[in-house]
């Protein structure tokens, strides 16, 4: 009988893009607490370095922060050289960089008789440059780091990649068509790459978070003056069977499972962490 646990993660080297954000910071903490030597990459290099120093002090695990642009191959190649020098060969990649753009977001949820004469508030008012930004950041920002950092895994004949998707990829939210479509492309790429890498020893999976309350989205869900939930927030909770938002720490278990040998026959899956949102039909 095999001894199934997370001990196999200890001493491995992980790269985490978008690592200084709210979700990224929580994932980085879980890696360090599991003994994974972690490279935190973020466009805000100072924030990444500060977080890395904090986690190293708290956990005793080697953790380094680096400024990196997930859409610039030269930037990534340079950072890879630093990681290989500072920590070692890369065993794990978490593609966590992503985001949306106001230019790819509609003001109206639907076209109605009241707003059809105001195309700027609907689909017809969207700026294609916003779509370019969102697709580049979420999709190419997953593809390009994988091209750079997975080469170490190919040489060693083993590794694990986890992409951070979203429940928007399955059930697109109103107002944010580009973000929903971009995350759907991440799901498809996860499956494609899992098949492509299947005989190399590299596994590729993804996590699709549901609704997590962060500083970035709080203003969309709550009235800043009254503190009361906005109608959009009420709709979210009404369609989440558990009736609450997720806590970022609740993504950690799924991440560690997908990275560890506990899931060594699991590849090409996208796991929802959503409080039942994906299972609920609204009635």
Protein backbone atom coordinates (compact mmCIF):
# COMPACT_ATOMS: atom_id res chain seq x y z
CA UNK A 1 0.00 0.00 0.00
CA UNK A 2 1.40 3.40 -0.97
CA UNK A 3 1.96 6.10 1.59
CA UNK A 4 0.00 9.00 0.10
CA UNK A 5 0.92 12.44 1.44
CA UNK A 6 2.31 15.82 0.44
CA UNK A 7 5.89 15.07 1.48
CA UNK A 8 6.92 14.56 -2.15
CA UNK A 9 6.59 18.32 -2.69
CA UNK A 10 9.27 19.24 -0.19
CA UNK A 11 12.45 20.51 -1.80
CA UNK A 12 10.94 21.01 -5.26
CA UNK A 13 11.20 24.33 -7.09
CA UNK A 14 8.09 26.17 -8.24
CA UNK A 15 7.51 29.23 -10.41
CA UNK A 16 4.34 31.21 -9.76
CA UNK A 17 3.32 33.99 -12.17
CA UNK A 18 1.04 36.76 -10.94
CA UNK A 19 2.36 35.72 -7.57
CA UNK A 20 2.05 39.02 -5.71
CA UNK A 21 -1.72 39.35 -6.18
CA UNK A 22 -4.34 38.33 -3.61
CA UNK A 23 -4.81 34.79 -4.92
CA UNK A 24 -1.17 34.42 -5.93
CA UNK A 25 0.03 35.43 -2.47
CA UNK A 26 -2.13 32.74 -0.88
CA UNK A 27 -0.89 30.10 -3.31
CA UNK A 28 2.71 31.15 -2.67
CA UNK A 29 2.18 30.76 1.07
CA UNK A 30 0.82 27.24 0.63
CA UNK A 31 3.84 26.29 -1.48
CA UNK A 32 6.34 27.63 1.06
CA UNK A 33 4.54 25.97 3.97
CA UNK A 34 4.80 22.68 2.06
CA UNK A 35 8.56 23.10 1.70
CA UNK A 36 8.47 24.07 -1.96
CA UNK A 37 11.22 26.50 -2.91
CA UNK A 38 9.24 29.21 -4.63
CA UNK A 39 9.95 31.88 -7.24
CA UNK A 40 7.27 34.58 -7.11
CA UNK A 41 6.99 36.43 -10.43
CA UNK A 42 5.03 39.63 -10.83
CA UNK A 43 5.03 42.75 -12.97
CA UNK A 44 5.39 44.60 -9.67
CA UNK A 45 8.86 43.35 -8.81
CA UNK A 46 9.11 45.18 -5.48
CA UNK A 47 5.89 43.64 -4.27
CA UNK A 48 7.07 40.17 -5.33
CA UNK A 49 10.40 40.60 -3.52
CA UNK A 50 8.71 41.91 -0.36
CA UNK A 51 6.27 38.98 -0.28
CA UNK A 52 9.06 36.48 -0.87
CA UNK A 53 11.10 37.87 2.01
CA UNK A 54 8.07 37.73 4.30
CA UNK A 55 7.26 34.12 3.40
CA UNK A 56 10.86 32.99 3.79
CA UNK A 57 10.98 34.52 7.25
CA UNK A 58 7.66 32.93 8.27
CA UNK A 59 8.20 29.46 6.80
CA UNK A 60 11.96 28.97 6.61
CA UNK A 61 11.62 27.87 2.99
CA UNK A 62 13.66 29.51 0.26
CA UNK A 63 11.51 32.04 -1.54
CA UNK A 64 12.59 34.66 -4.08
CA UNK A 65 10.74 37.47 -5.82
CA UNK A 66 11.35 38.60 -9.40
CA UNK A 67 10.00 41.27 -11.70
CA UNK A 68 8.73 39.59 -14.86
CA UNK A 69 6.44 40.32 -17.78
CA UNK A 70 4.53 37.20 -18.83
CA UNK A 71 4.14 38.66 -22.33
CA UNK A 72 7.84 39.27 -22.87
CA UNK A 73 9.86 36.17 -23.70
CA UNK A 74 13.20 37.89 -23.14
CA UNK A 75 12.06 38.97 -19.69
CA UNK A 76 11.01 35.42 -18.84
CA UNK A 77 14.21 33.86 -20.18
CA UNK A 78 16.25 36.28 -18.08
CA UNK A 79 14.26 35.44 -14.97
CA UNK A 80 14.62 31.73 -15.65
CA UNK A 81 18.40 32.11 -15.60
CA UNK A 82 18.15 33.86 -12.23
CA UNK A 83 15.84 31.17 -10.82
CA UNK A 84 18.13 28.37 -11.98
CA UNK A 85 21.04 30.16 -10.34
CA UNK A 86 19.25 31.13 -7.10
CA UNK A 87 17.09 28.05 -6.50
CA UNK A 88 17.65 25.31 -9.07
CA UNK A 89 15.90 23.50 -11.89
CA UNK A 90 12.15 24.11 -12.13
CA UNK A 91 9.76 21.28 -11.21
CA UNK A 92 6.46 23.16 -10.96
CA UNK A 93 4.76 26.01 -12.80
CA UNK A 94 1.60 27.80 -11.68
CA UNK A 95 0.28 30.21 -14.30
CA UNK A 96 -1.58 32.70 -12.14
CA UNK A 97 -1.22 35.94 -14.11
CA UNK A 98 -4.50 37.28 -15.48
CA UNK A 99 -7.05 40.06 -15.37
CA UNK A 100 -9.73 42.04 -17.16
CA UNK A 101 -10.02 45.45 -18.84
CA UNK A 102 -12.68 48.15 -18.59
CA UNK A 103 -12.43 48.48 -22.39
CA UNK A 104 -13.70 44.90 -22.72
CA UNK A 105 -16.54 45.34 -20.21
CA UNK A 106 -20.08 46.47 -21.03
CA UNK A 107 -22.05 48.80 -18.79
CA UNK A 108 -25.29 46.94 -19.52
CA UNK A 109 -25.91 43.28 -18.77
CA UNK A 110 -28.33 42.90 -21.70
CA UNK A 111 -29.61 44.95 -24.60
CA UNK A 112 -33.11 46.17 -23.76
CA UNK A 113 -35.60 48.68 -25.10
CA UNK A 114 -34.21 51.16 -22.59
CA UNK A 115 -30.59 51.02 -23.75
CA UNK A 116 -30.66 49.86 -27.37
CA UNK A 117 -30.30 53.48 -28.47
CA UNK A 118 -27.12 53.73 -26.36
CA UNK A 119 -24.73 51.38 -28.16
CA UNK A 120 -21.79 52.65 -26.08
CA UNK A 121 -23.29 50.84 -23.06
CA UNK A 122 -23.63 47.48 -24.84
CA UNK A 123 -21.61 45.01 -26.90
CA UNK A 124 -21.42 47.55 -29.71
CA UNK A 125 -19.47 49.95 -27.54
CA UNK A 126 -16.66 47.55 -26.70
CA UNK A 127 -13.12 48.49 -27.72
CA UNK A 128 -11.26 45.73 -29.56
CA UNK A 129 -8.01 46.84 -27.94
CA UNK A 130 -9.55 45.71 -24.65
CA UNK A 131 -10.07 42.24 -26.09
CA UNK A 132 -6.46 42.19 -27.27
CA UNK A 133 -5.23 43.10 -23.79
CA UNK A 134 -7.39 40.53 -22.01
CA UNK A 135 -6.59 37.68 -24.40
CA UNK A 136 -2.90 38.48 -24.36
CA UNK A 137 -2.71 38.60 -20.56
CA UNK A 138 -4.83 35.54 -19.79
CA UNK A 139 -4.12 33.24 -22.73
CA UNK A 140 -0.72 34.22 -24.11
CA UNK A 141 0.31 34.98 -20.53
CA UNK A 142 -0.25 31.27 -19.85
CA UNK A 143 1.29 29.95 -23.08
CA UNK A 144 4.52 31.95 -23.03
CA UNK A 145 5.66 31.19 -19.44
CA UNK A 146 4.96 27.52 -20.13
CA UNK A 147 7.20 27.62 -23.20
CA UNK A 148 10.01 29.07 -21.09
CA UNK A 149 9.75 27.34 -17.71
CA UNK A 150 8.59 23.86 -18.75
CA UNK A 151 11.88 23.19 -20.55
CA UNK A 152 13.49 22.17 -17.23
CA UNK A 153 10.67 19.67 -16.67
CA UNK A 154 11.14 18.21 -20.13
CA UNK A 155 14.83 17.64 -19.37
CA UNK A 156 14.10 15.96 -16.03
CA UNK A 157 11.21 13.89 -17.36
CA UNK A 158 8.73 15.02 -14.71
CA UNK A 159 6.82 18.08 -13.58
CA UNK A 160 3.44 19.62 -12.87
CA UNK A 161 1.76 22.66 -14.38
CA UNK A 162 -1.39 24.24 -12.94
CA UNK A 163 -3.20 27.01 -14.79
CA UNK A 164 -5.55 29.35 -12.96
CA UNK A 165 -8.79 29.57 -14.93
CA UNK A 166 -12.21 30.78 -13.73
CA UNK A 167 -15.82 29.64 -13.52
CA UNK A 168 -16.42 32.34 -16.15
CA UNK A 169 -14.85 29.88 -18.57
CA UNK A 170 -17.85 27.54 -18.16
CA UNK A 171 -20.66 30.00 -17.45
CA UNK A 172 -19.77 33.43 -18.86
CA UNK A 173 -20.81 36.32 -16.68
CA UNK A 174 -22.66 39.28 -18.12
CA UNK A 175 -20.58 42.38 -18.90
CA UNK A 176 -17.19 40.62 -19.29
CA UNK A 177 -17.16 38.73 -22.61
CA UNK A 178 -13.42 38.95 -23.26
CA UNK A 179 -12.40 37.67 -19.82
CA UNK A 180 -14.86 34.77 -19.98
CA UNK A 181 -13.72 33.77 -23.48
CA UNK A 182 -10.05 34.12 -22.58
CA UNK A 183 -10.44 31.82 -19.58
CA UNK A 184 -12.32 29.33 -21.77
CA UNK A 185 -9.26 29.32 -24.02
CA UNK A 186 -7.09 28.56 -20.98
CA UNK A 187 -9.24 25.48 -20.29
CA UNK A 188 -8.89 24.28 -23.86
CA UNK A 189 -5.14 24.89 -23.85
CA UNK A 190 -4.84 23.00 -20.54
CA UNK A 191 -6.42 19.93 -22.13
CA UNK A 192 -4.42 20.24 -25.34
CA UNK A 193 -1.12 20.61 -23.50
CA UNK A 194 -1.94 17.74 -21.13
CA UNK A 195 -2.24 15.42 -24.15
CA UNK A 196 0.85 16.88 -25.80
CA UNK A 197 2.94 16.36 -22.65
CA UNK A 198 1.33 13.10 -21.49
CA UNK A 199 4.30 10.86 -22.34
CA UNK A 200 6.95 13.25 -21.02
CA UNK A 201 6.12 12.93 -17.32
CA UNK A 202 4.68 16.46 -17.19
CA UNK A 203 1.09 16.78 -16.00
CA UNK A 204 -1.08 19.81 -16.87
CA UNK A 205 -4.24 20.73 -14.99
CA UNK A 206 -6.19 23.83 -14.01
CA UNK A 207 -8.23 25.29 -11.17
CA UNK A 208 -11.41 27.27 -11.89
CA UNK A 209 -12.18 29.50 -8.91
CA UNK A 210 -15.75 30.63 -8.37
CA UNK A 211 -16.44 33.89 -6.57
CA UNK A 212 -13.80 35.01 -4.13
CA UNK A 213 -14.06 38.35 -2.36
CA UNK A 214 -10.85 40.32 -2.91
CA UNK A 215 -9.82 43.96 -2.72
CA UNK A 216 -9.95 44.08 -6.51
CA UNK A 217 -13.62 43.11 -6.81
CA UNK A 218 -15.06 44.35 -3.53
CA UNK A 219 -16.14 47.67 -5.06
CA UNK A 220 -18.11 45.78 -7.74
CA UNK A 221 -20.04 43.77 -5.17
CA UNK A 222 -20.52 46.15 -2.25
CA UNK A 223 -21.59 49.78 -1.98
CA UNK A 224 -18.55 51.58 -0.57
CA UNK A 225 -20.69 54.14 1.29
CA UNK A 226 -23.29 51.90 2.90
CA UNK A 227 -21.37 48.61 2.99
CA UNK A 228 -24.46 46.86 1.63
CA UNK A 229 -24.23 44.30 -1.13
CA UNK A 230 -25.01 45.47 -4.64
CA UNK A 231 -27.60 43.65 -6.79
CA UNK A 232 -24.79 41.90 -8.71
CA UNK A 233 -23.36 40.55 -5.46
CA UNK A 234 -26.79 39.38 -4.35
CA UNK A 235 -27.21 37.48 -7.63
CA UNK A 236 -23.85 35.80 -7.15
CA UNK A 237 -24.70 34.51 -3.69
CA UNK A 238 -28.20 33.48 -4.80
CA UNK A 239 -26.55 31.24 -7.41
CA UNK A 240 -23.86 29.84 -5.10
CA UNK A 241 -25.43 26.97 -3.11
CA UNK A 242 -23.08 27.47 -0.16
CA UNK A 243 -24.36 31.04 0.05
CA UNK A 244 -21.01 32.75 0.57
CA UNK A 245 -17.87 33.90 -1.18
CA UNK A 246 -14.81 31.72 -1.16
CA UNK A 247 -11.74 32.49 0.92
CA UNK A 248 -8.49 32.52 -1.06
CA UNK A 249 -7.01 29.97 1.35
CA UNK A 250 -9.64 27.51 0.12
CA UNK A 251 -7.77 27.22 -3.19
CA UNK A 252 -4.66 25.89 -1.50
CA UNK A 253 -5.77 22.29 -0.98
CA UNK A 254 -6.72 21.80 -4.62
CA UNK A 255 -3.43 23.30 -5.76
CA UNK A 256 -1.31 21.06 -3.54
CA UNK A 257 -3.31 17.99 -4.59
CA UNK A 258 -2.73 18.73 -8.30
CA UNK A 259 0.99 19.31 -7.73
CA UNK A 260 1.65 16.28 -5.56
CA UNK A 261 1.97 12.58 -6.37
CA UNK A 262 -1.52 12.12 -4.91
CA UNK A 263 -2.73 13.13 -8.38
CA UNK A 264 -0.01 11.49 -10.46
CA UNK A 265 -2.59 9.85 -12.80
CA UNK A 266 -4.55 13.11 -13.16
CA UNK A 267 -3.91 15.31 -16.17
CA UNK A 268 -6.05 17.49 -18.42
CA UNK A 269 -8.69 18.36 -15.83
CA UNK A 270 -10.12 21.71 -14.73
CA UNK A 271 -11.34 21.54 -11.14
CA UNK A 272 -14.02 24.02 -10.01
CA UNK A 273 -13.57 25.48 -6.53
CA UNK A 274 -16.84 27.37 -6.44
CA UNK A 275 -19.15 26.51 -3.56
CA UNK A 276 -21.44 24.56 -5.89
CA UNK A 277 -21.95 27.37 -8.41
CA UNK A 278 -21.28 25.13 -11.42
CA UNK A 279 -23.74 22.51 -10.18
CA UNK A 280 -26.67 24.89 -9.63
CA UNK A 281 -29.29 25.58 -12.31
CA UNK A 282 -30.86 28.55 -10.55
CA UNK A 283 -33.92 26.70 -9.20
